Amino acid sequence: MSDKTMTPDEVVSRLRSGMAVGIGGWGSRRKPMALVRALLRSEITDLTVVSYGGPDVGLLAAAGRIRKLVAAFTTLDSIPLEPHFRAARQHGAFELTEIDEAMFMWGLTAAANRLPFLPVRAGLGSDVITVNPSLRTVKSPYEDGEEFVAVPALRLDAALVHMNRADRLGNGQYLGADPYFDDLFCEAADTAYVSCEQLVETAALTKDAAPQTLLLKRHAVTGVIETPNGAHFTSCAPDYDRDEAFQRMYATTPWPEFAERFLSGDEKTYQSAVQAWHEEQK
């Protein structure tokens, strides 16, 4: 069994412009922000981004890296609509496919199971099909004859997710209240990269936690990256809460100014800049 540890920049070196990249987490919660920041340091662009969107989408949208976004929403949670996403969308910067949260989940499930689509009831009787005319419906071949939405598989070239803990083999563990759908992102992708707060030995993953918290299995993971505070400024419960003060500043700061101060260096530079900003606020 191989050691899959990498650095953020090594992950990005494996990505290419034009890829479909899935980003785990949910809104402004447990997003792989260190990997997103590494992506922003590269020249990679023209991406199809698949995400339960949060600041990951906002950062990539503001930087002009997205060609198409597939999302159920794009929110900062305590700020209902991600402002940098909104600005880019209002200027027509990228194509948007907006689908129901359950449809999104089943699209990942279809991809994880190598199916072209899955039939779901979600979306029927709503404007989801109206605003997404490419969606099709299918009829049950059995006696019920019921009609369903045929949700296409959300097949990914790469997935980026963040865990509380992981081992060097690619097993990943969440310790918060919600797993979100990070396992489906990894299983729906050709390659999956897992950043984590802490690398531990395999035996430690289940020593003090329930077995079901071992969300990611090594067979679905390509690389593991130890990035303490790597979900900042989103939350990574129970390790830390969302940095609400920093998030408010991010949401109200013009993009060039934010990028110049916080995204012009490597991850260590970013973390130092965040600390300096907090010192200024005291």
Protein backbone atom coordinates (compact mmCIF):
# COMPACT_ATOMS: atom_id res chain seq x y z
CA MET A 1 0.00 0.00 0.00
CA SER A 2 1.46 3.35 -1.08
CA ASP A 3 1.99 6.60 0.74
CA LYS A 4 -0.34 9.11 -0.97
CA THR A 5 0.81 12.28 0.78
CA MET A 6 1.22 15.35 -1.41
CA THR A 7 1.48 19.12 -1.16
CA PRO A 8 -1.26 21.45 -2.44
CA ASP A 9 0.94 22.50 -5.34
CA GLU A 10 1.57 18.86 -6.29
CA VAL A 11 -2.19 18.35 -6.45
CA VAL A 12 -2.62 21.35 -8.72
CA SER A 13 0.19 20.12 -10.98
CA ARG A 14 -2.05 17.15 -11.80
CA LEU A 15 -4.99 19.32 -12.83
CA ARG A 16 -5.53 20.84 -16.26
CA SER A 17 -7.55 23.65 -17.77
CA GLY A 18 -10.95 22.51 -19.01
CA MET A 19 -11.42 19.82 -16.36
CA ALA A 20 -14.62 19.12 -14.44
CA VAL A 21 -13.67 19.63 -10.79
CA GLY A 22 -15.95 18.73 -7.90
CA ILE A 23 -15.44 20.59 -4.61
CA GLY A 24 -16.79 19.04 -1.42
CA GLY A 25 -18.20 20.61 1.70
CA TRP A 26 -21.44 22.57 1.90
CA GLY A 27 -21.84 26.33 1.58
CA SER A 28 -19.28 27.86 3.94
CA ARG A 29 -18.61 24.61 5.77
CA ARG A 30 -15.58 22.31 5.52
CA LYS A 31 -14.45 23.50 2.14
CA PRO A 32 -10.97 22.49 0.88
CA MET A 33 -9.93 26.13 0.80
CA ALA A 34 -6.17 25.54 0.88
CA LEU A 35 -6.51 23.49 -2.31
CA VAL A 36 -8.71 26.17 -3.89
CA ARG A 37 -6.09 28.78 -3.01
CA ALA A 38 -3.40 26.59 -4.58
CA LEU A 39 -5.55 26.34 -7.69
CA LEU A 40 -5.78 30.13 -7.80
CA ARG A 41 -1.97 30.34 -7.78
CA SER A 42 -1.87 28.34 -11.01
CA GLU A 43 -2.83 29.30 -14.56
CA ILE A 44 -5.58 26.68 -14.70
CA THR A 45 -8.85 28.02 -16.09
CA ASP A 46 -11.93 27.13 -18.18
CA LEU A 47 -13.17 24.82 -15.41
CA THR A 48 -16.50 23.13 -14.96
CA VAL A 49 -17.01 23.43 -11.21
CA VAL A 50 -19.46 21.11 -9.45
CA SER A 51 -20.21 22.18 -5.90
CA TYR A 52 -22.70 22.77 -3.13
CA GLY A 53 -21.27 26.21 -3.54
CA GLY A 54 -19.64 28.52 -1.03
CA PRO A 55 -16.55 30.73 -1.09
CA ASP A 56 -14.80 28.12 -3.22
CA VAL A 57 -17.11 29.13 -6.05
CA GLY A 58 -16.85 32.83 -5.16
CA LEU A 59 -13.06 32.83 -5.30
CA LEU A 60 -12.86 30.91 -8.57
CA ALA A 61 -15.63 32.99 -10.14
CA ALA A 62 -14.01 36.29 -9.14
CA ALA A 63 -10.69 35.09 -10.57
CA GLY A 64 -12.33 34.18 -13.88
CA ARG A 65 -11.49 30.48 -13.69
CA ILE A 66 -15.00 29.04 -14.24
CA ARG A 67 -16.49 28.24 -17.63
CA LYS A 68 -19.52 26.40 -16.25
CA LEU A 69 -20.90 25.98 -12.75
CA VAL A 70 -23.16 23.12 -11.67
CA ALA A 71 -24.63 23.90 -8.25
CA ALA A 72 -27.70 23.66 -6.07
CA PHE A 73 -26.84 27.02 -4.44
CA THR A 74 -23.90 29.30 -3.74
CA THR A 75 -24.00 30.67 -0.21
CA LEU A 76 -21.84 31.78 2.69
CA ASP A 77 -24.50 30.48 5.12
CA SER A 78 -24.55 33.51 7.41
CA ILE A 79 -24.54 35.62 4.22
CA PRO A 80 -27.30 34.09 2.08
CA LEU A 81 -25.85 34.74 -1.40
CA GLU A 82 -22.11 34.57 -2.13
CA PRO A 83 -21.39 38.13 -3.35
CA HIS A 84 -18.42 37.44 -5.65
CA PHE A 85 -20.37 34.63 -7.33
CA ARG A 86 -23.32 36.98 -7.75
CA ALA A 87 -21.20 39.70 -9.33
CA ALA A 88 -19.61 37.29 -11.80
CA ARG A 89 -22.94 35.71 -12.68
CA GLN A 90 -24.62 39.08 -13.21
CA HIS A 91 -21.89 39.92 -15.69
CA GLY A 92 -22.46 36.64 -17.54
CA ALA A 93 -18.99 35.38 -16.72
CA PHE A 94 -19.91 31.70 -16.90
CA GLU A 95 -22.67 29.23 -17.71
CA LEU A 96 -24.81 28.06 -14.79
CA THR A 97 -26.69 24.80 -14.33
CA GLU A 98 -28.74 25.16 -11.17
CA ILE A 99 -30.51 22.04 -9.92
CA ASP A 100 -32.30 20.85 -6.82
CA GLU A 101 -30.12 19.68 -3.90
CA ALA A 102 -31.47 16.13 -4.15
CA MET A 103 -30.96 16.06 -7.92
CA PHE A 104 -27.37 17.13 -7.33
CA MET A 105 -26.85 14.28 -4.87
CA TRP A 106 -28.31 11.71 -7.27
CA GLY A 107 -26.18 13.08 -10.10
CA LEU A 108 -23.09 12.34 -7.98
CA THR A 109 -24.53 8.94 -7.03
CA ALA A 110 -25.07 8.06 -10.69
CA ALA A 111 -21.47 9.01 -11.49
CA ALA A 112 -20.16 7.06 -8.50
CA ASN A 113 -21.98 3.98 -9.77
CA ARG A 114 -20.91 4.60 -13.39
CA LEU A 115 -24.51 5.06 -14.51
CA PRO A 116 -25.50 7.62 -17.16
CA PHE A 117 -28.42 8.91 -15.06
CA LEU A 118 -30.73 8.09 -12.19
CA PRO A 119 -34.52 8.62 -12.06
CA VAL A 120 -35.72 10.92 -9.27
CA ARG A 121 -38.94 12.67 -8.27
CA ALA A 122 -37.11 15.85 -7.25
CA GLY A 123 -37.69 18.63 -9.74
CA LEU A 124 -41.11 17.51 -10.93
CA GLY A 125 -43.70 20.26 -10.70
CA SER A 126 -41.02 22.94 -10.37
CA ASP A 127 -39.18 25.32 -12.70
CA VAL A 128 -35.99 23.26 -12.51
CA ILE A 129 -36.81 21.63 -15.83
CA THR A 130 -37.92 24.96 -17.31
CA VAL A 131 -34.60 26.65 -16.57
CA ASN A 132 -32.67 23.51 -17.55
CA PRO A 133 -34.25 22.49 -20.87
CA SER A 134 -31.58 19.85 -21.45
CA LEU A 135 -33.07 17.74 -18.62
CA ARG A 136 -35.22 14.83 -19.71
CA THR A 137 -37.88 12.71 -18.05
CA VAL A 138 -38.26 8.92 -18.18
CA LYS A 139 -41.23 6.66 -17.58
CA SER A 140 -41.10 3.61 -15.35
CA PRO A 141 -41.16 0.37 -17.41
CA TYR A 142 -43.29 -1.30 -14.73
CA GLU A 143 -47.04 -1.28 -14.11
CA ASP A 144 -46.99 2.05 -12.24
CA GLY A 145 -45.86 3.91 -15.38
CA GLU A 146 -44.67 6.81 -13.20
CA GLU A 147 -42.69 9.64 -14.73
CA PHE A 148 -39.35 10.73 -13.24
CA VAL A 149 -36.67 13.28 -13.92
CA ALA A 150 -33.63 11.59 -15.47
CA VAL A 151 -30.78 13.29 -13.60
CA PRO A 152 -27.56 12.98 -15.62
CA ALA A 153 -24.43 11.70 -13.91
CA LEU A 154 -22.13 14.42 -12.58
CA ARG A 155 -18.95 12.77 -13.72
CA LEU A 156 -15.79 14.52 -12.48
CA ASP A 157 -12.19 14.58 -13.65
CA ALA A 158 -11.06 15.49 -10.13
CA ALA A 159 -12.53 16.02 -6.67
CA LEU A 160 -11.19 18.23 -3.88
CA VAL A 161 -12.47 17.63 -0.34
CA HIS A 162 -11.42 18.43 3.23
CA MET A 163 -11.50 16.09 6.24
CA ASN A 164 -10.67 16.46 9.92
CA ARG A 165 -8.23 13.56 9.84
CA ALA A 166 -6.74 11.18 7.31
CA ASP A 167 -4.00 8.59 7.05
CA ARG A 168 -1.25 8.38 4.44
CA LEU A 169 -3.10 5.67 2.53
CA GLY A 170 -6.12 7.84 1.72
CA ASN A 171 -8.64 6.92 4.41
CA GLY A 172 -10.43 10.09 5.55
CA GLN A 173 -12.46 10.88 8.66
CA TYR A 174 -14.92 13.63 9.53
CA LEU A 175 -15.54 14.49 13.18
CA GLY A 176 -18.32 17.05 12.86
CA ALA A 177 -22.07 16.54 12.77
CA ASP A 178 -22.46 16.14 9.01
CA PRO A 179 -20.51 14.16 6.41
CA TYR A 180 -22.03 16.25 3.61
CA PHE A 181 -21.42 14.31 0.36
CA ASP A 182 -17.64 14.23 0.24
CA ASP A 183 -17.56 10.48 -0.28
CA LEU A 184 -19.76 10.78 -3.37
CA PHE A 185 -17.53 13.52 -4.79
CA CYS A 186 -14.52 11.22 -4.46
CA GLU A 187 -16.29 8.20 -5.91
CA ALA A 188 -17.69 10.24 -8.82
CA ALA A 189 -14.21 11.43 -9.84
CA ASP A 190 -11.35 9.92 -11.82
CA THR A 191 -8.96 11.36 -9.21
CA ALA A 192 -9.69 12.60 -5.69
CA TYR A 193 -7.53 14.74 -3.42
CA VAL A 194 -8.19 14.98 0.31
CA SER A 195 -6.81 17.77 2.44
CA CYS A 196 -7.02 17.29 6.18
CA GLU A 197 -6.37 19.05 9.46
CA GLN A 198 -4.17 16.23 10.71
CA LEU A 199 -2.44 13.16 9.34
CA VAL A 200 -2.65 10.21 11.75
CA GLU A 201 -1.84 6.54 11.79
CA THR A 202 -4.58 4.29 10.39
CA ALA A 203 -5.38 2.72 13.77
CA ALA A 204 -6.02 6.15 15.26
CA LEU A 205 -8.91 6.83 12.89
CA THR A 206 -11.28 4.54 14.79
CA LYS A 207 -9.65 4.51 18.21
CA ASP A 208 -11.81 7.26 19.73
CA ALA A 209 -14.54 7.74 17.10
CA ALA A 210 -17.45 5.76 15.68
CA PRO A 211 -16.62 3.63 12.63
CA GLN A 212 -19.14 5.51 10.46
CA THR A 213 -17.00 8.64 10.74
CA LEU A 214 -14.47 6.90 8.49
CA LEU A 215 -16.10 8.44 5.44
CA LEU A 216 -13.46 8.10 2.73
CA LYS A 217 -11.90 4.80 1.75
CA ARG A 218 -8.44 4.65 0.29
CA HIS A 219 -9.51 3.02 -2.98
CA ALA A 220 -11.32 6.24 -3.97
CA VAL A 221 -8.52 8.66 -2.97
CA THR A 222 -5.55 9.64 -5.11
CA GLY A 223 -3.72 12.02 -2.80
CA VAL A 224 -3.72 13.22 0.82
CA ILE A 225 -2.57 16.69 1.91
CA GLU A 226 -2.06 17.78 5.51
CA THR A 227 -3.21 21.41 5.70
CA PRO A 228 -3.89 22.64 9.27
CA ASN A 229 -6.55 25.36 9.16
CA GLY A 230 -6.94 24.39 5.52
CA ALA A 231 -10.69 25.00 5.45
CA HIS A 232 -10.35 28.62 6.60
CA PHE A 233 -12.40 30.77 6.50
CA THR A 234 -15.13 28.15 6.38
CA SER A 235 -15.86 25.99 9.42
CA CYS A 236 -14.31 22.63 10.13
CA ALA A 237 -16.19 21.40 13.21
CA PRO A 238 -15.15 20.45 15.81
CA ASP A 239 -11.66 21.78 15.05
CA TYR A 240 -12.80 25.38 14.47
CA ASP A 241 -15.84 27.47 13.61
CA ARG A 242 -16.32 29.68 10.60
CA ASP A 243 -14.25 32.88 10.79
CA GLU A 244 -17.28 35.16 10.59
CA ALA A 245 -15.36 38.42 10.90
CA PHE A 246 -13.00 37.47 8.09
CA GLN A 247 -15.89 36.21 5.96
CA ARG A 248 -17.71 39.54 6.34
CA MET A 249 -14.57 41.35 5.26
CA TYR A 250 -14.17 39.00 2.27
CA ALA A 251 -17.77 39.60 1.24
CA THR A 252 -17.45 43.39 1.29
CA THR A 253 -13.93 43.86 -0.08
CA PRO A 254 -13.38 44.49 -3.81
CA TRP A 255 -11.86 41.42 -5.39
CA PRO A 256 -8.53 42.97 -6.54
CA GLU A 257 -7.89 44.32 -3.05
CA PHE A 258 -8.70 40.99 -1.37
CA ALA A 259 -6.64 38.99 -3.85
CA GLU A 260 -3.63 41.28 -3.53
CA ARG A 261 -3.53 41.09 0.25
CA PHE A 262 -4.48 37.47 0.87
CA LEU A 263 -3.87 35.46 -2.30
CA SER A 264 -0.59 36.77 -3.68
CA GLY A 265 1.59 34.23 -1.86
CA ASP A 266 1.61 30.61 -0.76
CA GLU A 267 -0.58 29.03 1.93
CA LYS A 268 1.79 30.00 4.74
CA THR A 269 1.67 33.59 3.53
CA TYR A 270 -2.13 33.45 3.48
CA GLN A 271 -2.34 32.16 7.05
CA SER A 272 0.09 34.85 8.22
CA ALA A 273 -1.91 37.55 6.43
CA VAL A 274 -5.10 36.35 8.10
CA GLN A 275 -3.44 36.47 11.52
CA ALA A 276 -2.13 39.97 10.83
CA TRP A 277 -5.60 41.12 9.76
CA HIS A 278 -7.11 39.83 12.99
CA GLU A 279 -4.43 41.64 14.99
CA GLU A 280 -5.37 44.86 13.23
CA GLN A 281 -9.00 44.44 14.27
CA LYS A 282 -8.21 44.33 17.98
